[in-house]
N, C-alpha and C. Protein backbone atom coordinates (compact mmCIF):
# COMPACT_ATOMS: atom_id res chain seq x y z
N UNK A 1 -0.44 -10.33 -20.37
CA UNK A 1 -0.30 -10.62 -18.97
C UNK A 1 -0.62 -9.35 -18.18
N UNK A 2 -1.38 -9.47 -17.13
CA UNK A 2 -1.73 -8.32 -16.32
C UNK A 2 -3.11 -7.79 -16.61
N UNK A 3 -3.75 -8.26 -17.66
CA UNK A 3 -5.11 -7.85 -17.96
C UNK A 3 -6.08 -8.86 -17.36
N UNK A 4 -6.66 -8.49 -16.23
CA UNK A 4 -7.59 -9.38 -15.56
C UNK A 4 -9.01 -9.01 -15.96
N UNK A 5 -9.75 -10.02 -16.39
CA UNK A 5 -11.15 -9.81 -16.73
C UNK A 5 -12.01 -10.10 -15.51
N UNK A 6 -13.30 -9.95 -15.69
CA UNK A 6 -14.24 -10.17 -14.60
C UNK A 6 -14.21 -11.61 -14.12
N UNK A 7 -14.11 -12.54 -15.04
CA UNK A 7 -14.11 -13.95 -14.64
C UNK A 7 -12.87 -14.32 -13.84
N UNK A 8 -11.71 -13.75 -14.18
CA UNK A 8 -10.49 -14.03 -13.43
C UNK A 8 -10.58 -13.47 -12.01
N UNK A 9 -11.12 -12.26 -11.90
CA UNK A 9 -11.25 -11.64 -10.58
C UNK A 9 -12.21 -12.44 -9.71
N UNK A 10 -13.33 -12.87 -10.27
CA UNK A 10 -14.29 -13.68 -9.52
C UNK A 10 -13.66 -15.00 -9.09
N UNK A 11 -12.89 -15.61 -9.96
CA UNK A 11 -12.22 -16.87 -9.64
C UNK A 11 -11.21 -16.68 -8.50
N UNK A 12 -10.45 -15.60 -8.55
CA UNK A 12 -9.48 -15.31 -7.49
C UNK A 12 -10.20 -15.08 -6.16
N UNK A 13 -11.28 -14.32 -6.18
CA UNK A 13 -12.04 -14.06 -4.95
C UNK A 13 -12.63 -15.35 -4.39
N UNK A 14 -13.12 -16.22 -5.26
CA UNK A 14 -13.67 -17.49 -4.83
C UNK A 14 -12.59 -18.35 -4.15
N UNK A 15 -11.42 -18.39 -4.72
CA UNK A 15 -10.31 -19.16 -4.13
C UNK A 15 -9.93 -18.58 -2.77
N UNK A 16 -9.89 -17.26 -2.66
CA UNK A 16 -9.56 -16.63 -1.38
C UNK A 16 -10.59 -16.98 -0.33
N UNK A 17 -11.86 -16.92 -0.68
CA UNK A 17 -12.93 -17.26 0.26
C UNK A 17 -12.82 -18.73 0.68
N UNK A 18 -12.53 -19.60 -0.26
CA UNK A 18 -12.40 -21.01 0.08
C UNK A 18 -11.18 -21.28 0.98
N UNK A 19 -10.09 -20.58 0.74
CA UNK A 19 -8.89 -20.79 1.54
C UNK A 19 -9.00 -20.22 2.95
N UNK A 20 -9.52 -19.02 3.07
CA UNK A 20 -9.51 -18.33 4.35
C UNK A 20 -10.86 -18.32 5.07
N UNK A 21 -11.92 -18.56 4.37
CA UNK A 21 -13.23 -18.51 4.99
C UNK A 21 -13.75 -17.08 5.04
N UNK A 22 -15.06 -16.95 5.11
CA UNK A 22 -15.69 -15.63 5.07
C UNK A 22 -15.41 -14.78 6.30
N UNK A 23 -15.20 -15.41 7.43
CA UNK A 23 -14.98 -14.63 8.66
C UNK A 23 -13.57 -14.08 8.76
N UNK A 24 -12.63 -14.72 8.14
CA UNK A 24 -11.23 -14.31 8.25
C UNK A 24 -10.86 -13.18 7.29
N UNK A 25 -11.61 -13.03 6.21
CA UNK A 25 -11.28 -12.04 5.18
C UNK A 25 -11.28 -10.60 5.72
N UNK A 26 -12.28 -10.17 6.52
CA UNK A 26 -12.21 -8.79 7.04
C UNK A 26 -10.97 -8.54 7.89
N UNK A 27 -10.54 -9.53 8.64
CA UNK A 27 -9.33 -9.38 9.44
C UNK A 27 -8.10 -9.23 8.54
N UNK A 28 -8.06 -10.02 7.46
CA UNK A 28 -6.95 -9.91 6.52
C UNK A 28 -6.91 -8.55 5.84
N UNK A 29 -8.07 -8.05 5.46
CA UNK A 29 -8.14 -6.74 4.80
C UNK A 29 -7.75 -5.62 5.76
N UNK A 30 -8.13 -5.75 7.02
CA UNK A 30 -7.77 -4.76 8.02
C UNK A 30 -6.25 -4.73 8.19
N UNK A 31 -5.65 -5.90 8.27
CA UNK A 31 -4.19 -5.98 8.39
C UNK A 31 -3.49 -5.41 7.17
N UNK A 32 -4.04 -5.69 5.99
CA UNK A 32 -3.47 -5.16 4.76
C UNK A 32 -3.55 -3.63 4.73
N UNK A 33 -4.69 -3.11 5.15
CA UNK A 33 -4.86 -1.65 5.19
C UNK A 33 -3.92 -0.99 6.17
N UNK A 34 -3.73 -1.59 7.32
CA UNK A 34 -2.80 -1.04 8.31
C UNK A 34 -1.37 -1.08 7.79
N UNK A 35 -1.03 -2.16 7.10
CA UNK A 35 0.30 -2.26 6.52
C UNK A 35 0.56 -1.19 5.47
N UNK A 36 -0.45 -0.95 4.63
CA UNK A 36 -0.31 0.09 3.60
C UNK A 36 -0.19 1.46 4.24
N UNK A 37 -0.95 1.69 5.31
CA UNK A 37 -0.90 2.97 6.02
C UNK A 37 0.50 3.21 6.60
N UNK A 38 1.07 2.18 7.22
CA UNK A 38 2.41 2.29 7.78
C UNK A 38 3.45 2.52 6.69
N UNK A 39 3.29 1.85 5.56
CA UNK A 39 4.22 2.02 4.45
C UNK A 39 4.19 3.46 3.94
N UNK A 40 2.99 4.00 3.75
CA UNK A 40 2.87 5.39 3.29
C UNK A 40 3.48 6.36 4.30
N UNK A 41 3.24 6.09 5.58
CA UNK A 41 3.78 6.96 6.63
C UNK A 41 5.30 6.92 6.61
N UNK A 42 5.87 5.73 6.47
CA UNK A 42 7.32 5.61 6.43
C UNK A 42 7.89 6.27 5.19
N UNK A 43 7.20 6.16 4.07
CA UNK A 43 7.66 6.79 2.84
C UNK A 43 7.64 8.30 2.97
N UNK A 44 6.62 8.82 3.61
CA UNK A 44 6.50 10.26 3.80
C UNK A 44 7.62 10.77 4.71
N UNK A 45 7.91 10.06 5.76
CA UNK A 45 8.96 10.47 6.70
C UNK A 45 10.31 10.48 6.01
N UNK A 46 10.57 9.51 5.14
CA UNK A 46 11.84 9.47 4.43
C UNK A 46 11.94 10.58 3.40
N UNK A 47 10.82 11.00 2.82
CA UNK A 47 10.83 12.06 1.82
C UNK A 47 11.07 13.43 2.43
N UNK A 48 10.63 13.64 3.65
CA UNK A 48 10.74 14.96 4.28
C UNK A 48 12.18 15.42 4.43
N UNK A 49 13.13 14.58 4.87
CA UNK A 49 14.51 15.08 4.95
C UNK A 49 15.06 15.49 3.60
N UNK A 50 14.66 14.82 2.51
CA UNK A 50 15.11 15.21 1.19
C UNK A 50 14.62 16.60 0.83
N UNK A 51 13.38 16.89 1.17
CA UNK A 51 12.82 18.21 0.89
C UNK A 51 13.55 19.27 1.71
N UNK A 52 13.83 18.95 2.96
CA UNK A 52 14.52 19.89 3.82
C UNK A 52 15.91 20.19 3.29
N UNK A 53 16.62 19.17 2.88
CA UNK A 53 17.98 19.39 2.40
C UNK A 53 17.97 20.21 1.11
N UNK A 54 16.98 20.01 0.25
CA UNK A 54 16.87 20.80 -0.98
C UNK A 54 16.59 22.25 -0.64
N UNK A 55 15.73 22.49 0.34
CA UNK A 55 15.43 23.86 0.75
C UNK A 55 16.66 24.51 1.37
N UNK A 56 17.40 23.75 2.17
CA UNK A 56 18.61 24.29 2.78
C UNK A 56 19.64 24.64 1.72
N UNK A 57 19.75 23.83 0.67
CA UNK A 57 20.70 24.10 -0.40
C UNK A 57 20.32 25.39 -1.13
N UNK A 58 19.02 25.60 -1.35
CA UNK A 58 18.57 26.82 -2.03
C UNK A 58 18.86 28.04 -1.18
N UNK A 59 18.68 27.93 0.13
CA UNK A 59 18.94 29.06 1.01
C UNK A 59 20.44 29.34 1.09
N UNK A 60 21.26 28.30 1.02
CA UNK A 60 22.70 28.47 1.09
C UNK A 60 23.22 29.18 -0.14
N UNK A 61 22.57 29.00 -1.28
CA UNK A 61 23.00 29.64 -2.52
C UNK A 61 22.77 31.14 -2.50
N UNK A 62 21.76 31.57 -1.72
CA UNK A 62 21.40 33.00 -1.68
C UNK A 62 22.37 33.77 -0.92
């Protein structure tokens, strides 16, 4: 499970084209890309306070 061959990928793409149509796919991909960008940005913002607190702990030890 999880090993997709060329025929499976082509079949999935064909189903997507049939469901959404050729004109709608670029809009869907744009929305997906924006969502991924926001997710990465939010993940980065959450990671920064952790780094700051670790640096503060190291400075407090000195």
